Structure formats: C-alpha cells, structure tokens
C-alpha cells in the first residue's frame, strides 16, 4: 500500500512487547502494508502531522503569540464604541 521513505538516513529504535508486535503486524497486514516498518512510518507520520498542524494553526507565528498574550495580559481600555455597545446591551437585557 504505502512504502517507507526512500533515502532514509535517521534511525529510530524501540522495544515493544510480543503482544504489541503481533497487534502491529496484524494491523499492518489488514491495512495492506508490505512491511511493519511501512505501517509504523505511515501511521506515526500521519499522527505527527496532525498534531503539528493543530498546534501551528492555533497561533501561526511567534509574533501572533506575542500579540495574543499581550492582549490577554494587558487588554486595551474600552473605546467609546465599545462602551456604547455595552450600554445598549445592558438596556436590551434589562427590558
């Protein structure tokens, strides 16, 4: 189904229980992967990309983070439009 990344130069090693290995092998076969390595690489890569994308989408850049936290820690004073909107809201809610 999928093949491991060619030109791979880095190595990751891990130990698992026999039960885990058998489960992973069965899942790899059921999903149509040629090797357990292909299955593990594909599965872990997809999960890693999802986690990173979720994190990166929250606050895209360091500058965005600075602006966001500055606004939380030191919010600007309300301007006239905001005060008038708050007064209108209070009047409507009291009716």
C-alpha atoms as a PDB file:
ATOM      1  CA  UNK A   1       0.000   0.000   0.000  1.00  0.00           C
ATOM      2  CA  UNK A   2       2.485   2.627   1.180  1.00  0.00           C
ATOM      3  CA  UNK A   3       6.219   2.428   1.096  1.00  0.00           C
ATOM      4  CA  UNK A   4       8.726   3.714   3.601  1.00  0.00           C
ATOM      5  CA  UNK A   5      10.531   6.909   2.790  1.00  0.00           C
ATOM      6  CA  UNK A   6      13.431   6.206   0.489  1.00  0.00           C
ATOM      7  CA  UNK A   7      16.741   7.924   1.205  1.00  0.00           C
ATOM      8  CA  UNK A   8      16.097   7.495   4.925  1.00  0.00           C
ATOM      9  CA  UNK A   9      19.218   8.178   6.935  1.00  0.00           C
ATOM     10  CA  UNK A  10      17.996   8.540  10.522  1.00  0.00           C
ATOM     11  CA  UNK A  11      17.165   5.575  12.694  1.00  0.00           C
ATOM     12  CA  UNK A  12      14.600   5.128  15.456  1.00  0.00           C
ATOM     13  CA  UNK A  13      14.598   2.064  17.665  1.00  0.00           C
ATOM     14  CA  UNK A  14      12.051   0.952  20.236  1.00  0.00           C
ATOM     15  CA  UNK A  15      11.176  -2.120  22.225  1.00  0.00           C
ATOM     16  CA  UNK A  16       7.632  -3.446  22.422  1.00  0.00           C
ATOM     17  CA  UNK A  17       6.002  -6.452  24.000  1.00  0.00           C
ATOM     18  CA  UNK A  18       5.379  -9.546  21.902  1.00  0.00           C
ATOM     19  CA  UNK A  19       1.641  -8.842  22.091  1.00  0.00           C
ATOM     20  CA  UNK A  20       2.142  -5.308  20.790  1.00  0.00           C
ATOM     21  CA  UNK A  21       4.321  -6.533  17.941  1.00  0.00           C
ATOM     22  CA  UNK A  22       1.725  -9.109  16.927  1.00  0.00           C
ATOM     23  CA  UNK A  23      -1.028  -6.495  17.056  1.00  0.00           C
ATOM     24  CA  UNK A  24       1.000  -4.075  14.921  1.00  0.00           C
ATOM     25  CA  UNK A  25       1.836  -6.804  12.407  1.00  0.00           C
ATOM     26  CA  UNK A  26      -1.806  -7.822  12.134  1.00  0.00           C
ATOM     27  CA  UNK A  27      -2.919  -4.218  11.649  1.00  0.00           C
ATOM     28  CA  UNK A  28      -0.215  -3.671   9.021  1.00  0.00           C
ATOM     29  CA  UNK A  29      -1.322  -6.748   7.093  1.00  0.00           C
ATOM     30  CA  UNK A  30      -5.012  -5.829   7.329  1.00  0.00           C
ATOM     31  CA  UNK A  31      -4.265  -2.313   6.096  1.00  0.00           C
ATOM     32  CA  UNK A  32      -2.316  -3.687   3.134  1.00  0.00           C
ATOM     33  CA  UNK A  33       1.168  -2.556   4.100  1.00  0.00           C
ATOM     34  CA  UNK A  34       4.105  -4.575   2.767  1.00  0.00           C
ATOM     35  CA  UNK A  35       6.134  -4.293   5.956  1.00  0.00           C
ATOM     36  CA  UNK A  36       5.670  -3.446   9.594  1.00  0.00           C
ATOM     37  CA  UNK A  37       8.127  -0.586   9.100  1.00  0.00           C
ATOM     38  CA  UNK A  38       5.967   0.893   6.333  1.00  0.00           C
ATOM     39  CA  UNK A  39       2.913   0.668   8.582  1.00  0.00           C
ATOM     40  CA  UNK A  40       4.647   2.266  11.561  1.00  0.00           C
ATOM     41  CA  UNK A  41       6.188   5.075   9.495  1.00  0.00           C
ATOM     42  CA  UNK A  42       2.918   5.872   7.762  1.00  0.00           C
ATOM     43  CA  UNK A  43       0.851   5.777  10.938  1.00  0.00           C
ATOM     44  CA  UNK A  44       3.264   7.779  13.074  1.00  0.00           C
ATOM     45  CA  UNK A  45       3.876  10.328  10.305  1.00  0.00           C
ATOM     46  CA  UNK A  46       0.139  10.975   9.858  1.00  0.00           C
ATOM     47  CA  UNK A  47      -0.358  11.371  13.601  1.00  0.00           C
ATOM     48  CA  UNK A  48       2.666  13.667  13.928  1.00  0.00           C
ATOM     49  CA  UNK A  49       1.492  15.849  11.033  1.00  0.00           C
ATOM     50  CA  UNK A  50      -1.972  16.128  12.590  1.00  0.00           C
ATOM     51  CA  UNK A  51      -0.547  17.174  15.967  1.00  0.00           C
ATOM     52  CA  UNK A  52       1.828  19.726  14.433  1.00  0.00           C
ATOM     53  CA  UNK A  53      -0.879  21.166  12.160  1.00  0.00           C
ATOM     54  CA  UNK A  54      -3.266  21.556  15.096  1.00  0.00           C
ATOM     55  CA  UNK A  55      -0.574  23.314  17.116  1.00  0.00           C
ATOM     56  CA  UNK A  56       0.586  25.527  14.245  1.00  0.00           C
ATOM     57  CA  UNK A  57      -2.950  26.552  13.346  1.00  0.00           C
ATOM     58  CA  UNK A  58      -3.633  27.804  16.857  1.00  0.00           C
ATOM     59  CA  UNK A  59      -1.022  30.518  16.777  1.00  0.00           C
ATOM     60  CA  UNK A  60       0.763  30.579  13.465  1.00  0.00           C
ATOM     61  CA  UNK A  61       3.835  32.554  14.339  1.00  0.00           C
ATOM     62  CA  UNK A  62       5.878  33.812  17.239  1.00  0.00           C
ATOM     63  CA  UNK A  63       4.605  37.325  16.525  1.00  0.00           C
ATOM     64  CA  UNK A  64       0.987  36.101  16.674  1.00  0.00           C
ATOM     65  CA  UNK A  65       1.698  34.533  20.062  1.00  0.00           C
ATOM     66  CA  UNK A  66       3.230  37.769  21.340  1.00  0.00           C
ATOM     67  CA  UNK A  67       0.238  39.823  20.201  1.00  0.00           C
ATOM     68  CA  UNK A  68      -2.240  37.309  21.625  1.00  0.00           C
ATOM     69  CA  UNK A  69      -0.647  37.088  25.069  1.00  0.00           C
ATOM     70  CA  UNK A  70      -0.003  40.825  25.249  1.00  0.00           C
ATOM     71  CA  UNK A  71      -3.724  41.434  24.631  1.00  0.00           C
ATOM     72  CA  UNK A  72      -4.629  38.920  27.350  1.00  0.00           C
ATOM     73  CA  UNK A  73      -2.202  40.293  29.911  1.00  0.00           C
ATOM     74  CA  UNK A  74      -2.650  43.989  29.082  1.00  0.00           C
ATOM     75  CA  UNK A  75      -6.029  44.474  27.434  1.00  0.00           C
ATOM     76  CA  UNK A  76      -6.645  47.864  25.834  1.00  0.00           C
ATOM     77  CA  UNK A  77      -9.076  50.238  27.534  1.00  0.00           C
ATOM     78  CA  UNK A  78     -12.560  50.204  26.003  1.00  0.00           C
ATOM     79  CA  UNK A  79     -13.156  52.921  23.427  1.00  0.00           C
ATOM     80  CA  UNK A  80     -16.381  54.924  23.005  1.00  0.00           C
ATOM     81  CA  UNK A  81     -17.908  52.456  20.546  1.00  0.00           C
ATOM     82  CA  UNK A  82     -17.365  49.548  22.925  1.00  0.00           C
ATOM     83  CA  UNK A  83     -18.797  51.478  25.891  1.00  0.00           C
ATOM     84  CA  UNK A  84     -21.883  52.454  23.867  1.00  0.00           C
ATOM     85  CA  UNK A  85     -22.343  48.865  22.699  1.00  0.00           C
ATOM     86  CA  UNK A  86     -22.121  47.654  26.311  1.00  0.00           C
ATOM     87  CA  UNK A  87     -24.696  50.242  27.404  1.00  0.00           C
ATOM     88  CA  UNK A  88     -27.050  49.185  24.576  1.00  0.00           C
ATOM     89  CA  UNK A  89     -26.607  45.548  25.567  1.00  0.00           C
ATOM     90  CA  UNK A  90     -27.438  46.309  29.213  1.00  0.00           C
ATOM     91  CA  UNK A  91     -30.575  48.257  28.214  1.00  0.00           C
ATOM     92  CA  UNK A  92     -31.757  45.445  25.949  1.00  0.00           C
ATOM     93  CA  UNK A  93     -31.127  42.791  28.596  1.00  0.00           C
ATOM     94  CA  UNK A  94     -32.961  44.797  31.284  1.00  0.00           C
ATOM     95  CA  UNK A  95     -36.129  45.129  29.174  1.00  0.00           C
END
